[in-house]
PDB file of N, CA and C in Angstrom:
ATOM      1  N   UNK A   1       1.162  -1.407   0.172  1.00  0.00           N
ATOM      2  CA  UNK A   1       0.087  -0.321   0.199  1.00  0.00           C
ATOM      3  C   UNK A   1       0.424   1.317   0.093  1.00  0.00           C
ATOM      4  N   UNK A   2       1.932   1.191   0.994  1.00  0.00           N
ATOM      5  CA  UNK A   2       2.648   2.744   0.906  1.00  0.00           C
ATOM      6  C   UNK A   2       3.285   2.898  -0.707  1.00  0.00           C
ATOM      7  N   UNK A   3       3.866   1.296  -1.385  1.00  0.00           N
ATOM      8  CA  UNK A   3       4.581   1.997  -2.498  1.00  0.00           C
ATOM      9  C   UNK A   3       3.238   2.510  -3.563  1.00  0.00           C
ATOM     10  N   UNK A   4       1.695   2.438  -3.283  1.00  0.00           N
ATOM     11  CA  UNK A   4       0.861   2.957  -4.443  1.00  0.00           C
ATOM     12  C   UNK A   4       0.952   4.408  -3.689  1.00  0.00           C
ATOM     13  N   UNK A   5       0.492   4.586  -2.273  1.00  0.00           N
ATOM     14  CA  UNK A   5       0.946   6.097  -2.160  1.00  0.00           C
ATOM     15  C   UNK A   5       2.064   6.867  -2.441  1.00  0.00           C
ATOM     16  N   UNK A   6       2.918   6.380  -2.553  1.00  0.00           N
ATOM     17  CA  UNK A   6       4.238   6.880  -3.249  1.00  0.00           C
ATOM     18  C   UNK A   6       4.109   7.415  -4.432  1.00  0.00           C
ATOM     19  N   UNK A   7       3.871   6.252  -5.096  1.00  0.00           N
ATOM     20  CA  UNK A   7       3.669   6.177  -6.430  1.00  0.00           C
ATOM     21  C   UNK A   7       2.581   7.476  -7.087  1.00  0.00           C
ATOM     22  N   UNK A   8       1.353   6.982  -6.655  1.00  0.00           N
ATOM     23  CA  UNK A   8      -0.107   7.933  -6.595  1.00  0.00           C
ATOM     24  C   UNK A   8       0.812   9.757  -6.729  1.00  0.00           C
ATOM     25  N   UNK A   9       1.790  10.090  -5.541  1.00  0.00           N
ATOM     26  CA  UNK A   9       1.991  11.398  -5.343  1.00  0.00           C
ATOM     27  C   UNK A   9       2.763  12.283  -6.835  1.00  0.00           C
ATOM     28  N   UNK A  10       3.574  10.764  -7.011  1.00  0.00           N
ATOM     29  CA  UNK A  10       4.840  11.087  -8.178  1.00  0.00           C
ATOM     30  C   UNK A  10       3.211  11.905  -9.541  1.00  0.00           C
ATOM     31  N   UNK A  11       3.003  10.694  -9.549  1.00  0.00           N
ATOM     32  CA  UNK A  11       1.883  10.703 -10.868  1.00  0.00           C
ATOM     33  C   UNK A  11       1.488  11.873 -11.073  1.00  0.00           C
ATOM     34  N   UNK A  12       0.526  12.914  -9.599  1.00  0.00           N
ATOM     35  CA  UNK A  12      -0.234  13.852  -9.433  1.00  0.00           C
ATOM     36  C   UNK A  12       1.301  14.966  -9.709  1.00  0.00           C
ATOM     37  N   UNK A  13       2.321  15.032  -9.020  1.00  0.00           N
ATOM     38  CA  UNK A  13       3.210  16.091  -9.037  1.00  0.00           C
ATOM     39  C   UNK A  13       3.083  16.206 -10.809  1.00  0.00           C
ATOM     40  N   UNK A  14       3.864  15.020 -11.283  1.00  0.00           N
ATOM     41  CA  UNK A  14       4.207  15.212 -12.943  1.00  0.00           C
ATOM     42  C   UNK A  14       2.928  15.896 -13.360  1.00  0.00           C
ATOM     43  N   UNK A  15       1.678  15.270 -13.664  1.00  0.00           N
ATOM     44  CA  UNK A  15       0.823  15.804 -13.627  1.00  0.00           C
ATOM     45  C   UNK A  15      -0.216  17.464 -13.848  1.00  0.00           C
ATOM     46  N   UNK A  16       0.415  17.557 -12.339  1.00  0.00           N
ATOM     47  CA  UNK A  16       0.923  19.410 -12.142  1.00  0.00           C
ATOM     48  C   UNK A  16       1.654  20.104 -13.183  1.00  0.00           C
ATOM     49  N   UNK A  17       2.668  19.581 -12.703  1.00  0.00           N
ATOM     50  CA  UNK A  17       3.901  20.036 -13.619  1.00  0.00           C
ATOM     51  C   UNK A  17       3.369  20.201 -15.193  1.00  0.00           C
ATOM     52  N   UNK A  18       2.731  19.397 -15.627  1.00  0.00           N
ATOM     53  CA  UNK A  18       2.252  19.545 -17.163  1.00  0.00           C
ATOM     54  C   UNK A  18       1.131  20.352 -17.488  1.00  0.00           C
ATOM     55  N   UNK A  19       0.476  20.576 -16.313  1.00  0.00           N
ATOM     56  CA  UNK A  19      -0.698  21.742 -16.546  1.00  0.00           C
ATOM     57  C   UNK A  19      -0.218  23.301 -15.740  1.00  0.00           C
ATOM     58  N   UNK A  20       1.106  23.542 -15.366  1.00  0.00           N
ATOM     59  CA  UNK A  20       1.398  24.645 -14.644  1.00  0.00           C
ATOM     60  C   UNK A  20       2.760  24.846 -14.922  1.00  0.00           C
ATOM     61  N   UNK A  21       2.640  26.242 -15.147  1.00  0.00           N
ATOM     62  CA  UNK A  21       1.545  27.328 -15.167  1.00  0.00           C
ATOM     63  C   UNK A  21       0.492  27.335 -16.734  1.00  0.00           C
ATOM     64  N   UNK A  22       1.048  26.941 -17.584  1.00  0.00           N
ATOM     65  CA  UNK A  22       0.370  27.117 -18.506  1.00  0.00           C
ATOM     66  C   UNK A  22       0.435  26.049 -19.561  1.00  0.00           C
ATOM     67  N   UNK A  23      -0.946  24.503 -19.775  1.00  0.00           N
ATOM     68  CA  UNK A  23      -1.004  23.987 -20.487  1.00  0.00           C
ATOM     69  C   UNK A  23      -0.694  24.009 -21.763  1.00  0.00           C
ATOM     70  N   UNK A  24      -0.519  23.366 -22.417  1.00  0.00           N
ATOM     71  CA  UNK A  24      -0.945  22.465 -23.767  1.00  0.00           C
ATOM     72  C   UNK A  24      -2.156  23.105 -24.619  1.00  0.00           C
ATOM     73  N   UNK A  25      -2.950  22.144 -23.432  1.00  0.00           N
ATOM     74  CA  UNK A  25      -4.122  22.358 -23.912  1.00  0.00           C
ATOM     75  C   UNK A  25      -5.188  23.382 -23.933  1.00  0.00           C
ATOM     76  N   UNK A  26      -4.913  24.305 -22.700  1.00  0.00           N
ATOM     77  CA  UNK A  26      -5.108  25.539 -22.429  1.00  0.00           C
ATOM     78  C   UNK A  26      -5.000  26.607 -23.607  1.00  0.00           C
ATOM     79  N   UNK A  27      -3.482  26.415 -24.059  1.00  0.00           N
ATOM     80  CA  UNK A  27      -3.216  27.682 -24.949  1.00  0.00           C
ATOM     81  C   UNK A  27      -3.472  27.491 -26.745  1.00  0.00           C
ATOM     82  N   UNK A  28      -3.739  26.009 -26.861  1.00  0.00           N
ATOM     83  CA  UNK A  28      -3.465  25.590 -28.261  1.00  0.00           C
ATOM     84  C   UNK A  28      -5.161  25.036 -28.191  1.00  0.00           C
ATOM     85  N   UNK A  29      -6.270  25.968 -28.105  1.00  0.00           N
ATOM     86  CA  UNK A  29      -7.696  25.756 -27.825  1.00  0.00           C
ATOM     87  C   UNK A  29      -8.295  25.133 -29.236  1.00  0.00           C
ATOM     88  N   UNK A  30      -8.301  23.550 -29.207  1.00  0.00           N
ATOM     89  CA  UNK A  30      -9.223  23.071 -30.123  1.00  0.00           C
ATOM     90  C   UNK A  30      -9.638  22.060 -29.257  1.00  0.00           C
ATOM     91  N   UNK A  31     -11.080  21.463 -30.604  1.00  0.00           N
ATOM     92  CA  UNK A  31     -11.629  20.929 -30.163  1.00  0.00           C
ATOM     93  C   UNK A  31     -11.543  18.962 -30.868  1.00  0.00           C
ATOM     94  N   UNK A  32     -10.505  19.697 -31.750  1.00  0.00           N
ATOM     95  CA  UNK A  32     -10.189  18.135 -32.732  1.00  0.00           C
ATOM     96  C   UNK A  32      -9.271  17.241 -32.230  1.00  0.00           C
ATOM     97  N   UNK A  33      -9.793  16.137 -31.809  1.00  0.00           N
ATOM     98  CA  UNK A  33      -9.083  15.258 -31.008  1.00  0.00           C
ATOM     99  C   UNK A  33      -7.538  14.804 -31.026  1.00  0.00           C
ATOM    100  N   UNK A  34      -6.989  14.681 -32.532  1.00  0.00           N
ATOM    101  CA  UNK A  34      -5.914  14.443 -32.930  1.00  0.00           C
ATOM    102  C   UNK A  34      -4.678  15.560 -32.526  1.00  0.00           C
ATOM    103  N   UNK A  35      -4.907  17.003 -32.710  1.00  0.00           N
ATOM    104  CA  UNK A  35      -4.420  17.756 -31.721  1.00  0.00           C
ATOM    105  C   UNK A  35      -4.079  17.640 -29.942  1.00  0.00           C
ATOM    106  N   UNK A  36      -5.303  17.254 -29.624  1.00  0.00           N
ATOM    107  CA  UNK A  36      -5.567  17.334 -28.198  1.00  0.00           C
ATOM    108  C   UNK A  36      -4.745  15.982 -27.634  1.00  0.00           C
ATOM    109  N   UNK A  37      -4.660  15.468 -28.776  1.00  0.00           N
ATOM    110  CA  UNK A  37      -3.847  13.856 -28.019  1.00  0.00           C
ATOM    111  C   UNK A  37      -2.304  14.407 -28.170  1.00  0.00           C
ATOM    112  N   UNK A  38      -2.125  14.900 -29.445  1.00  0.00           N
ATOM    113  CA  UNK A  38      -0.978  15.777 -29.522  1.00  0.00           C
ATOM    114  C   UNK A  38      -0.453  16.647 -28.784  1.00  0.00           C
ATOM    115  N   UNK A  39      -1.375  17.446 -28.210  1.00  0.00           N
ATOM    116  CA  UNK A  39      -0.778  18.355 -27.118  1.00  0.00           C
ATOM    117  C   UNK A  39      -0.173  17.369 -26.384  1.00  0.00           C
ATOM    118  N   UNK A  40      -1.377  16.691 -25.718  1.00  0.00           N
ATOM    119  CA  UNK A  40      -0.874  15.961 -24.394  1.00  0.00           C
ATOM    120  C   UNK A  40       0.486  15.097 -24.238  1.00  0.00           C
ATOM    121  N   UNK A  41       0.511  14.330 -25.608  1.00  0.00           N
ATOM    122  CA  UNK A  41       2.247  14.121 -25.936  1.00  0.00           C
ATOM    123  C   UNK A  41       2.805  14.596 -25.643  1.00  0.00           C
ATOM    124  N   UNK A  42       2.770  15.938 -26.390  1.00  0.00           N
ATOM    125  CA  UNK A  42       4.287  17.154 -26.229  1.00  0.00           C
ATOM    126  C   UNK A  42       4.343  17.404 -24.800  1.00  0.00           C
ATOM    127  N   UNK A  43       3.100  17.818 -24.246  1.00  0.00           N
ATOM    128  CA  UNK A  43       3.304  17.978 -22.363  1.00  0.00           C
ATOM    129  C   UNK A  43       4.063  16.832 -21.677  1.00  0.00           C
ATOM    130  N   UNK A  44       3.644  15.677 -22.117  1.00  0.00           N
ATOM    131  CA  UNK A  44       4.081  14.921 -21.174  1.00  0.00           C
ATOM    132  C   UNK A  44       5.510  14.636 -21.910  1.00  0.00           C
ATOM    133  N   UNK A  45       6.120  14.872 -22.585  1.00  0.00           N
ATOM    134  CA  UNK A  45       7.570  14.714 -23.143  1.00  0.00           C
ATOM    135  C   UNK A  45       8.384  16.055 -22.617  1.00  0.00           C
ATOM    136  N   UNK A  46       8.075  16.964 -22.607  1.00  0.00           N
ATOM    137  CA  UNK A  46       8.498  18.027 -21.602  1.00  0.00           C
ATOM    138  C   UNK A  46       8.581  17.986 -20.546  1.00  0.00           C
ATOM    139  N   UNK A  47       7.292  17.284 -19.492  1.00  0.00           N
ATOM    140  CA  UNK A  47       7.642  17.313 -18.153  1.00  0.00           C
ATOM    141  C   UNK A  47       8.606  16.155 -18.087  1.00  0.00           C
ATOM    142  N   UNK A  48       8.645  15.319 -18.434  1.00  0.00           N
ATOM    143  CA  UNK A  48       9.469  14.117 -19.040  1.00  0.00           C
ATOM    144  C   UNK A  48      10.868  14.760 -18.616  1.00  0.00           C
ATOM    145  N   UNK A  49      11.261  15.956 -19.874  1.00  0.00           N
ATOM    146  CA  UNK A  49      12.233  15.932 -20.513  1.00  0.00           C
ATOM    147  C   UNK A  49      12.876  17.173 -19.136  1.00  0.00           C
ATOM    148  N   UNK A  50      12.275  17.431 -18.317  1.00  0.00           N
ATOM    149  CA  UNK A  50      11.990  18.660 -17.604  1.00  0.00           C
ATOM    150  C   UNK A  50      13.111  18.023 -16.125  1.00  0.00           C
ATOM    151  N   UNK A  51      12.483  16.838 -15.917  1.00  0.00           N
ATOM    152  CA  UNK A  51      12.531  16.156 -14.864  1.00  0.00           C
ATOM    153  C   UNK A  51      13.971  15.023 -14.961  1.00  0.00           C
ATOM    154  N   UNK A  52      13.900  14.601 -16.184  1.00  0.00           N
ATOM    155  CA  UNK A  52      15.366  13.826 -16.340  1.00  0.00           C
ATOM    156  C   UNK A  52      16.340  14.304 -16.564  1.00  0.00           C
ATOM    157  N   UNK A  53      16.162  16.109 -17.100  1.00  0.00           N
ATOM    158  CA  UNK A  53      17.521  17.085 -17.008  1.00  0.00           C
ATOM    159  C   UNK A  53      18.028  17.350 -15.666  1.00  0.00           C
ATOM    160  N   UNK A  54      17.054  17.559 -14.902  1.00  0.00           N
ATOM    161  CA  UNK A  54      17.429  17.962 -13.579  1.00  0.00           C
ATOM    162  C   UNK A  54      17.876  16.743 -12.588  1.00  0.00           C
ATOM    163  N   UNK A  55      17.075  15.438 -13.013  1.00  0.00           N
ATOM    164  CA  UNK A  55      17.571  14.482 -12.418  1.00  0.00           C
ATOM    165  C   UNK A  55      19.206  13.876 -12.734  1.00  0.00           C
ATOM    166  N   UNK A  56      19.384  14.017 -14.039  1.00  0.00           N
ATOM    167  CA  UNK A  56      21.412  13.630 -14.898  1.00  0.00           C
ATOM    168  C   UNK A  56      21.515  15.334 -14.216  1.00  0.00           C
ATOM    169  N   UNK A  57      21.631  16.084 -13.921  1.00  0.00           N
ATOM    170  CA  UNK A  57      22.459  17.161 -13.183  1.00  0.00           C
ATOM    171  C   UNK A  57      22.092  17.175 -11.731  1.00  0.00           C
ATOM    172  N   UNK A  58      21.472  16.174 -11.065  1.00  0.00           N
ATOM    173  CA  UNK A  58      21.540  16.498  -9.922  1.00  0.00           C
ATOM    174  C   UNK A  58      20.924  17.862  -9.569  1.00  0.00           C
ATOM    175  N   UNK A  59      20.000  18.598  -9.690  1.00  0.00           N
ATOM    176  CA  UNK A  59      19.480  19.546  -9.713  1.00  0.00           C
ATOM    177  C   UNK A  59      18.261  19.664  -9.399  1.00  0.00           C
ATOM    178  N   UNK A  60      17.480  20.926  -8.981  1.00  0.00           N
ATOM    179  CA  UNK A  60      15.855  21.589  -9.136  1.00  0.00           C
ATOM    180  C   UNK A  60      15.869  21.477 -10.690  1.00  0.00           C
ATOM    181  N   UNK A  61      14.565  21.569 -10.745  1.00  0.00           N
ATOM    182  CA  UNK A  61      14.140  21.336 -12.066  1.00  0.00           C
ATOM    183  C   UNK A  61      13.929  22.658 -12.708  1.00  0.00           C
ATOM    184  N   UNK A  62      13.965  23.404 -13.939  1.00  0.00           N
ATOM    185  CA  UNK A  62      13.761  24.311 -13.874  1.00  0.00           C
ATOM    186  C   UNK A  62      12.350  24.873 -14.033  1.00  0.00           C
ATOM    187  N   UNK A  63      12.039  26.403 -13.850  1.00  0.00           N
ATOM    188  CA  UNK A  63      10.710  26.379 -14.259  1.00  0.00           C
ATOM    189  C   UNK A  63      10.098  26.244 -15.578  1.00  0.00           C
ATOM    190  N   UNK A  64       8.624  25.798 -15.444  1.00  0.00           N
ATOM    191  CA  UNK A  64       8.274  25.419 -16.808  1.00  0.00           C
ATOM    192  C   UNK A  64       8.514  26.462 -17.988  1.00  0.00           C
ATOM    193  N   UNK A  65       7.805  27.244 -17.965  1.00  0.00           N
ATOM    194  CA  UNK A  65       7.786  28.167 -18.731  1.00  0.00           C
ATOM    195  C   UNK A  65       9.729  28.935 -19.883  1.00  0.00           C
ATOM    196  N   UNK A  66      10.916  28.740 -18.678  1.00  0.00           N
ATOM    197  CA  UNK A  66      12.010  28.745 -18.845  1.00  0.00           C
ATOM    198  C   UNK A  66      12.509  28.103 -19.219  1.00  0.00           C
ATOM    199  N   UNK A  67      12.655  26.418 -19.176  1.00  0.00           N
ATOM    200  CA  UNK A  67      12.703  25.786 -19.941  1.00  0.00           C
ATOM    201  C   UNK A  67      11.745  25.861 -21.254  1.00  0.00           C
ATOM    202  N   UNK A  68      10.447  25.942 -21.450  1.00  0.00           N
ATOM    203  CA  UNK A  68       9.876  26.207 -22.883  1.00  0.00           C
ATOM    204  C   UNK A  68      10.526  26.998 -23.717  1.00  0.00           C
ATOM    205  N   UNK A  69      10.993  28.478 -23.122  1.00  0.00           N
ATOM    206  CA  UNK A  69      11.800  29.300 -24.299  1.00  0.00           C
ATOM    207  C   UNK A  69      12.847  28.917 -23.994  1.00  0.00           C
ATOM    208  N   UNK A  70      13.675  28.172 -23.710  1.00  0.00           N
ATOM    209  CA  UNK A  70      14.747  27.906 -24.065  1.00  0.00           C
ATOM    210  C   UNK A  70      15.145  27.054 -25.026  1.00  0.00           C
ATOM    211  N   UNK A  71      13.807  25.914 -24.847  1.00  0.00           N
ATOM    212  CA  UNK A  71      13.901  24.860 -26.082  1.00  0.00           C
ATOM    213  C   UNK A  71      13.771  25.162 -27.554  1.00  0.00           C
ATOM    214  N   UNK A  72      12.860  26.138 -27.275  1.00  0.00           N
ATOM    215  CA  UNK A  72      12.296  27.268 -28.201  1.00  0.00           C
ATOM    216  C   UNK A  72      13.193  27.723 -28.567  1.00  0.00           C
ATOM    217  N   UNK A  73      14.240  28.365 -28.040  1.00  0.00           N
ATOM    218  CA  UNK A  73      15.754  29.363 -28.855  1.00  0.00           C
ATOM    219  C   UNK A  73      16.522  27.926 -29.579  1.00  0.00           C
ATOM    220  N   UNK A  74      16.783  27.402 -28.773  1.00  0.00           N
ATOM    221  CA  UNK A  74      17.488  26.327 -29.132  1.00  0.00           C
ATOM    222  C   UNK A  74      16.603  24.938 -30.796  1.00  0.00           C
ATOM    223  N   UNK A  75      15.217  25.534 -30.779  1.00  0.00           N
ATOM    224  CA  UNK A  75      14.755  24.988 -32.049  1.00  0.00           C
ATOM    225  C   UNK A  75      14.797  25.735 -32.982  1.00  0.00           C
ATOM    226  N   UNK A  76      14.685  26.921 -32.795  1.00  0.00           N
ATOM    227  CA  UNK A  76      15.597  27.985 -33.959  1.00  0.00           C
ATOM    228  C   UNK A  76      16.565  28.406 -34.172  1.00  0.00           C
ATOM    229  N   UNK A  77      17.495  27.750 -33.171  1.00  0.00           N
ATOM    230  CA  UNK A  77      18.356  28.329 -33.999  1.00  0.00           C
ATOM    231  C   UNK A  77      19.977  26.920 -34.121  1.00  0.00           C
ATOM    232  N   UNK A  78      18.480  25.242 -34.470  1.00  0.00           N
ATOM    233  CA  UNK A  78      19.862  24.467 -34.415  1.00  0.00           C
ATOM    234  C   UNK A  78      20.119  24.310 -35.640  1.00  0.00           C
ATOM    235  N   UNK A  79      21.782  23.838 -35.933  1.00  0.00           N
ATOM    236  CA  UNK A  79      22.553  23.475 -36.947  1.00  0.00           C
ATOM    237  C   UNK A  79      22.179  22.434 -38.145  1.00  0.00           C
ATOM    238  N   UNK A  80      21.281  21.576 -36.983  1.00  0.00           N
ATOM    239  CA  UNK A  80      21.123  19.757 -37.854  1.00  0.00           C
ATOM    240  C   UNK A  80      20.904  19.909 -39.096  1.00  0.00           C
ATOM    241  N   UNK A  81      21.635  19.496 -40.014  1.00  0.00           N
ATOM    242  CA  UNK A  81      20.940  19.744 -41.237  1.00  0.00           C
ATOM    243  C   UNK A  81      22.050  20.471 -42.050  1.00  0.00           C
ATOM    244  N   UNK A  82      22.896  21.385 -41.732  1.00  0.00           N
ATOM    245  CA  UNK A  82      23.479  22.547 -42.321  1.00  0.00           C
ATOM    246  C   UNK A  82      24.676  21.706 -42.685  1.00  0.00           C
ATOM    247  N   UNK A  83      25.313  22.343 -43.859  1.00  0.00           N
ATOM    248  CA  UNK A  83      26.661  21.747 -43.769  1.00  0.00           C
ATOM    249  C   UNK A  83      27.585  22.546 -43.683  1.00  0.00           C
ATOM    250  N   UNK A  84      28.267  22.805 -42.370  1.00  0.00           N
ATOM    251  CA  UNK A  84      29.240  23.769 -42.113  1.00  0.00           C
ATOM    252  C   UNK A  84      30.504  23.458 -42.383  1.00  0.00           C
ATOM    253  N   UNK A  85      31.394  24.694 -42.810  1.00  0.00           N
ATOM    254  CA  UNK A  85      32.620  24.141 -43.266  1.00  0.00           C
ATOM    255  C   UNK A  85      33.532  23.594 -42.565  1.00  0.00           C
ATOM    256  N   UNK A  86      34.321  22.549 -42.256  1.00  0.00           N
ATOM    257  CA  UNK A  86      35.161  22.014 -41.835  1.00  0.00           C
ATOM    258  C   UNK A  86      36.448  23.185 -41.199  1.00  0.00           C
ATOM    259  N   UNK A  87      36.894  22.853 -40.672  1.00  0.00           N
ATOM    260  CA  UNK A  87      38.546  23.835 -40.143  1.00  0.00           C
ATOM    261  C   UNK A  87      39.590  23.359 -41.122  1.00  0.00           C
TER     262      UNK A  87
END
């Protein structure tokens, strides 16, 4: 029973992180089912990335909006698929 209670709180914490401070489902207002599922999966992946990064660094998690902003910048400025001159 104690394992159940411990795991239940862990799942609740992750769900709260997914919806706080701004849930993608709220921002991306749509009723189309595939898009709603996509936003759900994006939210879950985002929270898992934040938690995994903090666990790997043995540090506290970044605030959700800070992580989103940094991720967006990195995605816009990535160099994947660009042939850079070699030194």
